[in-house]
């Protein structure tokens, strides 16, 4: 039995396209044609085959992405120096859909969700919060932009997760922070204090909520990178 016969692969990644919703402060995405098949054939002189290619102008924090510590902590690690274990390994996803803006996700909310699912946090875990923001609002019903409103971790709950050994706090909204009121950006603040990462703009979390699974969301090896788009997936054993 080969790998794909043993594992179900669930895509947790949002599409990249011009006009895609973002957290309000970031560079909008632009996609431009670099060369058509015909233009390339003319340039190379080939009468057989031409190469179609596009150029993409986008933020390191566009779409499903992870942050490097340097984004929120001066002198912190850039993306190429971040441990790969932060982006690949054991993960759990908990249901926090009942926590809505303007409320914060507090320690008691996480503890109740863990108990509901029969899950526990282990050192090195990737912790994923299913808030339902993507399901309710994507793409143009208040999902992203400056007017977006969604819940996020409080400083106390983010610190509690970090002290439990979580290395990556992830969410299905544009930010792990409560938005737009939390100008301390508590989740990112804690990630800087503990030199860990976070992952934002996930989707399809209804397919993994309440489960422990293998997560993979590897970033590009961008020199000096403040973050990177990732192709986030969940691996679930097919016999479950």
C-alpha atoms as a PDB file:
ATOM      1  CA  UNK A   1       0.000   0.000   0.000  1.00  0.00           C
ATOM      2  CA  UNK A   2       1.502   3.368  -1.028  1.00  0.00           C
ATOM      3  CA  UNK A   3       1.367   6.673   0.844  1.00  0.00           C
ATOM      4  CA  UNK A   4      -1.765   8.018  -0.845  1.00  0.00           C
ATOM      5  CA  UNK A   5      -3.614   4.794  -0.139  1.00  0.00           C
ATOM      6  CA  UNK A   6      -2.837   5.143   3.574  1.00  0.00           C
ATOM      7  CA  UNK A   7      -3.535   8.852   4.034  1.00  0.00           C
ATOM      8  CA  UNK A   8      -6.377  11.201   3.179  1.00  0.00           C
ATOM      9  CA  UNK A   9      -5.053  14.606   2.138  1.00  0.00           C
ATOM     10  CA  UNK A  10      -7.260  17.576   3.043  1.00  0.00           C
ATOM     11  CA  UNK A  11      -6.433  20.958   1.546  1.00  0.00           C
ATOM     12  CA  UNK A  12      -6.626  23.747   4.138  1.00  0.00           C
ATOM     13  CA  UNK A  13      -5.372  26.462   1.770  1.00  0.00           C
ATOM     14  CA  UNK A  14      -7.179  29.458   0.315  1.00  0.00           C
ATOM     15  CA  UNK A  15      -6.734  30.364  -3.353  1.00  0.00           C
ATOM     16  CA  UNK A  16      -4.332  33.084  -4.494  1.00  0.00           C
ATOM     17  CA  UNK A  17      -5.918  35.438  -7.027  1.00  0.00           C
ATOM     18  CA  UNK A  18      -6.134  39.109  -7.919  1.00  0.00           C
ATOM     19  CA  UNK A  19      -8.650  40.729  -5.599  1.00  0.00           C
ATOM     20  CA  UNK A  20      -8.261  38.089  -2.877  1.00  0.00           C
ATOM     21  CA  UNK A  21      -9.190  39.306   0.626  1.00  0.00           C
ATOM     22  CA  UNK A  22      -6.315  40.223   2.936  1.00  0.00           C
ATOM     23  CA  UNK A  23      -5.675  41.614   6.373  1.00  0.00           C
ATOM     24  CA  UNK A  24      -6.203  45.325   5.802  1.00  0.00           C
ATOM     25  CA  UNK A  25      -2.630  46.591   6.000  1.00  0.00           C
ATOM     26  CA  UNK A  26      -1.045  44.353   3.351  1.00  0.00           C
ATOM     27  CA  UNK A  27      -0.183  44.786  -0.325  1.00  0.00           C
ATOM     28  CA  UNK A  28      -3.079  43.848  -2.643  1.00  0.00           C
ATOM     29  CA  UNK A  29      -2.341  40.946  -4.989  1.00  0.00           C
ATOM     30  CA  UNK A  30      -1.781  41.667  -8.679  1.00  0.00           C
ATOM     31  CA  UNK A  31      -1.306  38.993 -11.353  1.00  0.00           C
ATOM     32  CA  UNK A  32       0.012  39.976 -14.793  1.00  0.00           C
ATOM     33  CA  UNK A  33       0.783  38.016 -17.946  1.00  0.00           C
ATOM     34  CA  UNK A  34       4.519  37.854 -18.560  1.00  0.00           C
ATOM     35  CA  UNK A  35       4.338  35.989 -21.865  1.00  0.00           C
ATOM     36  CA  UNK A  36       1.732  34.140 -23.883  1.00  0.00           C
ATOM     37  CA  UNK A  37       2.377  30.877 -25.741  1.00  0.00           C
ATOM     38  CA  UNK A  38       2.484  32.818 -29.017  1.00  0.00           C
ATOM     39  CA  UNK A  39       4.806  35.536 -27.711  1.00  0.00           C
ATOM     40  CA  UNK A  40       7.246  32.980 -26.373  1.00  0.00           C
ATOM     41  CA  UNK A  41       7.248  30.985 -29.617  1.00  0.00           C
ATOM     42  CA  UNK A  42       8.020  34.174 -31.516  1.00  0.00           C
ATOM     43  CA  UNK A  43      10.824  35.054 -29.085  1.00  0.00           C
ATOM     44  CA  UNK A  44      12.475  31.622 -29.212  1.00  0.00           C
ATOM     45  CA  UNK A  45      11.770  30.837 -32.854  1.00  0.00           C
ATOM     46  CA  UNK A  46      10.105  27.557 -31.927  1.00  0.00           C
ATOM     47  CA  UNK A  47       7.326  26.384 -34.212  1.00  0.00           C
ATOM     48  CA  UNK A  48       6.373  23.607 -31.795  1.00  0.00           C
ATOM     49  CA  UNK A  49       5.895  24.891 -28.276  1.00  0.00           C
ATOM     50  CA  UNK A  50       5.611  28.141 -26.328  1.00  0.00           C
ATOM     51  CA  UNK A  51       5.699  28.777 -22.591  1.00  0.00           C
ATOM     52  CA  UNK A  52       2.879  30.741 -20.938  1.00  0.00           C
ATOM     53  CA  UNK A  53       3.932  32.524 -17.731  1.00  0.00           C
ATOM     54  CA  UNK A  54       2.582  35.134 -15.335  1.00  0.00           C
ATOM     55  CA  UNK A  55       4.085  37.532 -12.792  1.00  0.00           C
ATOM     56  CA  UNK A  56       2.652  37.865  -9.286  1.00  0.00           C
ATOM     57  CA  UNK A  57       2.979  40.901  -7.028  1.00  0.00           C
ATOM     58  CA  UNK A  58       1.844  39.906  -3.553  1.00  0.00           C
ATOM     59  CA  UNK A  59       2.570  40.318   0.127  1.00  0.00           C
ATOM     60  CA  UNK A  60       4.516  37.718   2.079  1.00  0.00           C
ATOM     61  CA  UNK A  61       1.353  37.681   4.212  1.00  0.00           C
ATOM     62  CA  UNK A  62      -1.199  37.140   1.449  1.00  0.00           C
ATOM     63  CA  UNK A  63      -3.646  34.273   1.691  1.00  0.00           C
ATOM     64  CA  UNK A  64      -2.802  31.169   3.695  1.00  0.00           C
ATOM     65  CA  UNK A  65       0.572  32.046   5.180  1.00  0.00           C
ATOM     66  CA  UNK A  66       2.834  31.735   8.204  1.00  0.00           C
ATOM     67  CA  UNK A  67       4.764  34.507   9.912  1.00  0.00           C
ATOM     68  CA  UNK A  68       8.445  34.730  10.694  1.00  0.00           C
ATOM     69  CA  UNK A  69       9.319  36.085  14.130  1.00  0.00           C
ATOM     70  CA  UNK A  70      11.008  39.095  12.534  1.00  0.00           C
ATOM     71  CA  UNK A  71       7.587  40.388  11.436  1.00  0.00           C
ATOM     72  CA  UNK A  72       6.553  41.173  14.999  1.00  0.00           C
ATOM     73  CA  UNK A  73       9.877  41.217  16.873  1.00  0.00           C
ATOM     74  CA  UNK A  74      12.807  43.383  15.730  1.00  0.00           C
ATOM     75  CA  UNK A  75      15.874  41.155  15.449  1.00  0.00           C
ATOM     76  CA  UNK A  76      13.729  37.996  15.429  1.00  0.00           C
ATOM     77  CA  UNK A  77      14.318  35.068  13.094  1.00  0.00           C
ATOM     78  CA  UNK A  78      13.567  35.606   9.390  1.00  0.00           C
ATOM     79  CA  UNK A  79      11.728  32.914   7.494  1.00  0.00           C
ATOM     80  CA  UNK A  80      14.790  31.029   6.280  1.00  0.00           C
ATOM     81  CA  UNK A  81      15.913  30.541   9.893  1.00  0.00           C
ATOM     82  CA  UNK A  82      12.589  29.349  11.276  1.00  0.00           C
ATOM     83  CA  UNK A  83      12.532  25.678  12.406  1.00  0.00           C
ATOM     84  CA  UNK A  84      10.704  23.449   9.927  1.00  0.00           C
ATOM     85  CA  UNK A  85       9.099  21.684  12.897  1.00  0.00           C
ATOM     86  CA  UNK A  86       6.926  24.785  13.313  1.00  0.00           C
ATOM     87  CA  UNK A  87       5.277  24.074   9.967  1.00  0.00           C
ATOM     88  CA  UNK A  88       5.113  20.272   9.851  1.00  0.00           C
ATOM     89  CA  UNK A  89       4.033  17.919  12.595  1.00  0.00           C
ATOM     90  CA  UNK A  90       1.274  16.976  15.003  1.00  0.00           C
ATOM     91  CA  UNK A  91      -1.731  19.284  15.047  1.00  0.00           C
ATOM     92  CA  UNK A  92      -5.074  19.559  16.751  1.00  0.00           C
ATOM     93  CA  UNK A  93      -8.091  21.606  15.673  1.00  0.00           C
ATOM     94  CA  UNK A  94     -10.717  22.782  18.168  1.00  0.00           C
ATOM     95  CA  UNK A  95     -14.189  24.227  17.654  1.00  0.00           C
ATOM     96  CA  UNK A  96     -14.421  27.857  18.792  1.00  0.00           C
ATOM     97  CA  UNK A  97     -17.183  28.983  16.427  1.00  0.00           C
ATOM     98  CA  UNK A  98     -19.356  30.204  19.288  1.00  0.00           C
ATOM     99  CA  UNK A  99     -16.792  32.864  20.243  1.00  0.00           C
ATOM    100  CA  UNK A 100     -17.584  35.915  18.118  1.00  0.00           C
ATOM    101  CA  UNK A 101     -16.382  39.520  17.903  1.00  0.00           C
ATOM    102  CA  UNK A 102     -16.049  41.493  20.145  1.00  0.00           C
ATOM    103  CA  UNK A 103     -15.214  38.623  22.512  1.00  0.00           C
ATOM    104  CA  UNK A 104     -11.721  37.203  22.849  1.00  0.00           C
ATOM    105  CA  UNK A 105     -10.840  33.509  22.850  1.00  0.00           C
ATOM    106  CA  UNK A 106      -9.919  32.904  26.476  1.00  0.00           C
ATOM    107  CA  UNK A 107      -8.188  30.027  28.295  1.00  0.00           C
ATOM    108  CA  UNK A 108     -11.501  28.655  29.555  1.00  0.00           C
ATOM    109  CA  UNK A 109     -12.854  28.537  25.988  1.00  0.00           C
ATOM    110  CA  UNK A 110      -9.869  26.498  24.834  1.00  0.00           C
ATOM    111  CA  UNK A 111     -10.054  24.186  27.836  1.00  0.00           C
ATOM    112  CA  UNK A 112     -13.762  23.570  27.226  1.00  0.00           C
ATOM    113  CA  UNK A 113     -13.123  22.834  23.542  1.00  0.00           C
ATOM    114  CA  UNK A 114     -10.312  20.418  24.368  1.00  0.00           C
ATOM    115  CA  UNK A 115     -12.531  18.599  26.834  1.00  0.00           C
ATOM    116  CA  UNK A 116     -15.386  18.468  24.325  1.00  0.00           C
ATOM    117  CA  UNK A 117     -13.142  16.813  21.728  1.00  0.00           C
ATOM    118  CA  UNK A 118     -11.185  14.629  24.140  1.00  0.00           C
ATOM    119  CA  UNK A 119      -7.953  16.273  23.042  1.00  0.00           C
ATOM    120  CA  UNK A 120      -4.895  17.495  24.921  1.00  0.00           C
ATOM    121  CA  UNK A 121      -2.119  19.855  23.956  1.00  0.00           C
ATOM    122  CA  UNK A 122       1.316  18.272  23.688  1.00  0.00           C
ATOM    123  CA  UNK A 123       4.679  19.991  23.461  1.00  0.00           C
ATOM    124  CA  UNK A 124       5.470  20.806  19.840  1.00  0.00           C
ATOM    125  CA  UNK A 125       1.832  20.837  18.723  1.00  0.00           C
ATOM    126  CA  UNK A 126       0.396  23.055  16.012  1.00  0.00           C
ATOM    127  CA  UNK A 127      -2.825  24.470  17.491  1.00  0.00           C
ATOM    128  CA  UNK A 128      -5.603  25.311  15.020  1.00  0.00           C
ATOM    129  CA  UNK A 129      -8.672  27.370  15.927  1.00  0.00           C
ATOM    130  CA  UNK A 130     -11.856  26.731  13.953  1.00  0.00           C
ATOM    131  CA  UNK A 131     -13.698  30.044  14.416  1.00  0.00           C
ATOM    132  CA  UNK A 132     -16.016  29.703  11.420  1.00  0.00           C
ATOM    133  CA  UNK A 133     -15.056  33.180  10.162  1.00  0.00           C
ATOM    134  CA  UNK A 134     -14.093  31.776   6.750  1.00  0.00           C
ATOM    135  CA  UNK A 135     -17.326  29.783   6.452  1.00  0.00           C
ATOM    136  CA  UNK A 136     -19.494  32.756   7.396  1.00  0.00           C
ATOM    137  CA  UNK A 137     -17.855  35.589   5.487  1.00  0.00           C
ATOM    138  CA  UNK A 138     -15.462  34.489   2.707  1.00  0.00           C
ATOM    139  CA  UNK A 139     -14.775  36.102   0.328  1.00  0.00           C
ATOM    140  CA  UNK A 140     -16.717  39.386   0.395  1.00  0.00           C
ATOM    141  CA  UNK A 141     -19.096  39.339   3.343  1.00  0.00           C
ATOM    142  CA  UNK A 142     -16.716  41.014   5.770  1.00  0.00           C
ATOM    143  CA  UNK A 143     -13.956  38.392   5.661  1.00  0.00           C
ATOM    144  CA  UNK A 144     -10.942  40.671   5.214  1.00  0.00           C
ATOM    145  CA  UNK A 145      -9.968  44.286   4.690  1.00  0.00           C
ATOM    146  CA  UNK A 146     -10.063  47.154   7.142  1.00  0.00           C
ATOM    147  CA  UNK A 147     -13.709  46.508   8.042  1.00  0.00           C
ATOM    148  CA  UNK A 148     -13.254  42.861   9.047  1.00  0.00           C
ATOM    149  CA  UNK A 149     -14.368  41.948  12.566  1.00  0.00           C
ATOM    150  CA  UNK A 150     -13.512  38.630  14.159  1.00  0.00           C
ATOM    151  CA  UNK A 151     -12.481  37.048  17.420  1.00  0.00           C
ATOM    152  CA  UNK A 152      -8.940  36.107  18.338  1.00  0.00           C
ATOM    153  CA  UNK A 153      -6.798  34.986  21.235  1.00  0.00           C
ATOM    154  CA  UNK A 154      -6.350  37.157  24.296  1.00  0.00           C
ATOM    155  CA  UNK A 155      -2.843  37.774  25.606  1.00  0.00           C
ATOM    156  CA  UNK A 156      -3.487  35.344  28.470  1.00  0.00           C
ATOM    157  CA  UNK A 157      -4.720  32.526  26.229  1.00  0.00           C
ATOM    158  CA  UNK A 158      -1.924  32.977  23.690  1.00  0.00           C
ATOM    159  CA  UNK A 159       0.654  32.874  26.503  1.00  0.00           C
ATOM    160  CA  UNK A 160      -1.068  29.795  27.960  1.00  0.00           C
ATOM    161  CA  UNK A 161      -0.747  28.039  24.586  1.00  0.00           C
ATOM    162  CA  UNK A 162       2.908  29.013  24.235  1.00  0.00           C
ATOM    163  CA  UNK A 163       3.714  27.775  27.722  1.00  0.00           C
ATOM    164  CA  UNK A 164       2.001  24.477  26.883  1.00  0.00           C
ATOM    165  CA  UNK A 165       4.579  24.082  24.109  1.00  0.00           C
ATOM    166  CA  UNK A 166       2.509  25.089  21.064  1.00  0.00           C
ATOM    167  CA  UNK A 167       4.837  26.195  18.240  1.00  0.00           C
ATOM    168  CA  UNK A 168       2.271  27.459  15.723  1.00  0.00           C
ATOM    169  CA  UNK A 169      -1.094  29.099  16.505  1.00  0.00           C
ATOM    170  CA  UNK A 170      -3.353  28.890  13.444  1.00  0.00           C
ATOM    171  CA  UNK A 171      -6.776  30.200  12.455  1.00  0.00           C
ATOM    172  CA  UNK A 172      -9.355  30.419   9.644  1.00  0.00           C
ATOM    173  CA  UNK A 173      -9.442  34.238   9.644  1.00  0.00           C
ATOM    174  CA  UNK A 174      -7.034  37.002   8.566  1.00  0.00           C
ATOM    175  CA  UNK A 175      -5.362  37.222  12.003  1.00  0.00           C
ATOM    176  CA  UNK A 176      -5.023  35.261  15.227  1.00  0.00           C
ATOM    177  CA  UNK A 177      -5.706  38.541  17.063  1.00  0.00           C
ATOM    178  CA  UNK A 178      -9.155  39.890  17.883  1.00  0.00           C
ATOM    179  CA  UNK A 179      -9.813  42.444  15.131  1.00  0.00           C
ATOM    180  CA  UNK A 180     -10.072  45.432  14.964  1.00  0.00           C
ATOM    181  CA  UNK A 181      -9.978  46.390  18.667  1.00  0.00           C
ATOM    182  CA  UNK A 182      -6.851  44.608  19.907  1.00  0.00           C
ATOM    183  CA  UNK A 183      -4.168  47.115  19.049  1.00  0.00           C
ATOM    184  CA  UNK A 184      -1.706  45.216  21.234  1.00  0.00           C
ATOM    185  CA  UNK A 185      -2.017  42.394  18.661  1.00  0.00           C
ATOM    186  CA  UNK A 186      -1.860  40.007  21.590  1.00  0.00           C
ATOM    187  CA  UNK A 187      -1.388  36.766  19.657  1.00  0.00           C
ATOM    188  CA  UNK A 188       1.513  38.133  17.649  1.00  0.00           C
ATOM    189  CA  UNK A 189       2.961  39.778  20.747  1.00  0.00           C
ATOM    190  CA  UNK A 190       3.135  36.396  22.479  1.00  0.00           C
ATOM    191  CA  UNK A 191       4.562  34.726  19.371  1.00  0.00           C
ATOM    192  CA  UNK A 192       7.374  37.274  19.505  1.00  0.00           C
ATOM    193  CA  UNK A 193       7.956  36.718  23.207  1.00  0.00           C
ATOM    194  CA  UNK A 194       8.224  32.941  22.715  1.00  0.00           C
ATOM    195  CA  UNK A 195       9.830  32.970  19.228  1.00  0.00           C
ATOM    196  CA  UNK A 196       7.056  30.894  17.655  1.00  0.00           C
ATOM    197  CA  UNK A 197       4.943  31.294  14.531  1.00  0.00           C
ATOM    198  CA  UNK A 198       1.319  31.641  13.581  1.00  0.00           C
ATOM    199  CA  UNK A 199      -0.641  30.666  10.481  1.00  0.00           C
ATOM    200  CA  UNK A 200      -3.610  32.605   9.138  1.00  0.00           C
ATOM    201  CA  UNK A 201      -6.233  32.391   6.376  1.00  0.00           C
ATOM    202  CA  UNK A 202      -6.872  28.639   6.672  1.00  0.00           C
ATOM    203  CA  UNK A 203     -10.060  27.028   5.346  1.00  0.00           C
ATOM    204  CA  UNK A 204     -11.914  23.686   5.327  1.00  0.00           C
ATOM    205  CA  UNK A 205     -11.401  23.311   9.067  1.00  0.00           C
ATOM    206  CA  UNK A 206     -14.797  21.627   9.351  1.00  0.00           C
ATOM    207  CA  UNK A 207     -13.081  18.549   7.910  1.00  0.00           C
ATOM    208  CA  UNK A 208     -10.486  18.323  10.711  1.00  0.00           C
ATOM    209  CA  UNK A 209     -12.173  19.868  13.747  1.00  0.00           C
ATOM    210  CA  UNK A 210     -12.023  17.714  16.851  1.00  0.00           C
ATOM    211  CA  UNK A 211      -9.156  15.642  15.494  1.00  0.00           C
ATOM    212  CA  UNK A 212      -5.431  15.117  16.010  1.00  0.00           C
ATOM    213  CA  UNK A 213      -3.647  14.808  12.675  1.00  0.00           C
ATOM    214  CA  UNK A 214      -0.450  15.534  10.779  1.00  0.00           C
ATOM    215  CA  UNK A 215      -0.267  19.109   9.480  1.00  0.00           C
ATOM    216  CA  UNK A 216       2.035  20.392   6.754  1.00  0.00           C
ATOM    217  CA  UNK A 217       2.292  24.034   5.705  1.00  0.00           C
ATOM    218  CA  UNK A 218       5.858  24.559   4.546  1.00  0.00           C
ATOM    219  CA  UNK A 219       6.939  28.155   3.805  1.00  0.00           C
ATOM    220  CA  UNK A 220       9.123  29.301   0.941  1.00  0.00           C
ATOM    221  CA  UNK A 221      12.762  29.765   1.911  1.00  0.00           C
ATOM    222  CA  UNK A 222      12.724  33.546   1.470  1.00  0.00           C
ATOM    223  CA  UNK A 223      15.934  35.261   2.529  1.00  0.00           C
ATOM    224  CA  UNK A 224      15.037  37.816   5.178  1.00  0.00           C
ATOM    225  CA  UNK A 225      11.394  36.816   4.816  1.00  0.00           C
ATOM    226  CA  UNK A 226       8.877  38.291   7.243  1.00  0.00           C
ATOM    227  CA  UNK A 227       6.438  35.545   6.291  1.00  0.00           C
ATOM    228  CA  UNK A 228       5.526  33.241   3.435  1.00  0.00           C
ATOM    229  CA  UNK A 229       2.509  31.777   1.691  1.00  0.00           C
ATOM    230  CA  UNK A 230       2.135  28.070   2.504  1.00  0.00           C
ATOM    231  CA  UNK A 231       0.204  25.170   0.984  1.00  0.00           C
ATOM    232  CA  UNK A 232      -1.437  23.920   4.140  1.00  0.00           C
ATOM    233  CA  UNK A 233      -2.703  20.349   4.248  1.00  0.00           C
ATOM    234  CA  UNK A 234      -3.911  17.876   6.830  1.00  0.00           C
ATOM    235  CA  UNK A 235      -3.023  14.181   6.648  1.00  0.00           C
ATOM    236  CA  UNK A 236      -5.600  11.810   8.156  1.00  0.00           C
ATOM    237  CA  UNK A 237      -5.248   8.010   8.253  1.00  0.00           C
ATOM    238  CA  UNK A 238      -7.813   6.518   5.891  1.00  0.00           C
ATOM    239  CA  UNK A 239      -8.855   3.885   8.429  1.00  0.00           C
ATOM    240  CA  UNK A 240     -10.219   6.594  10.758  1.00  0.00           C
END
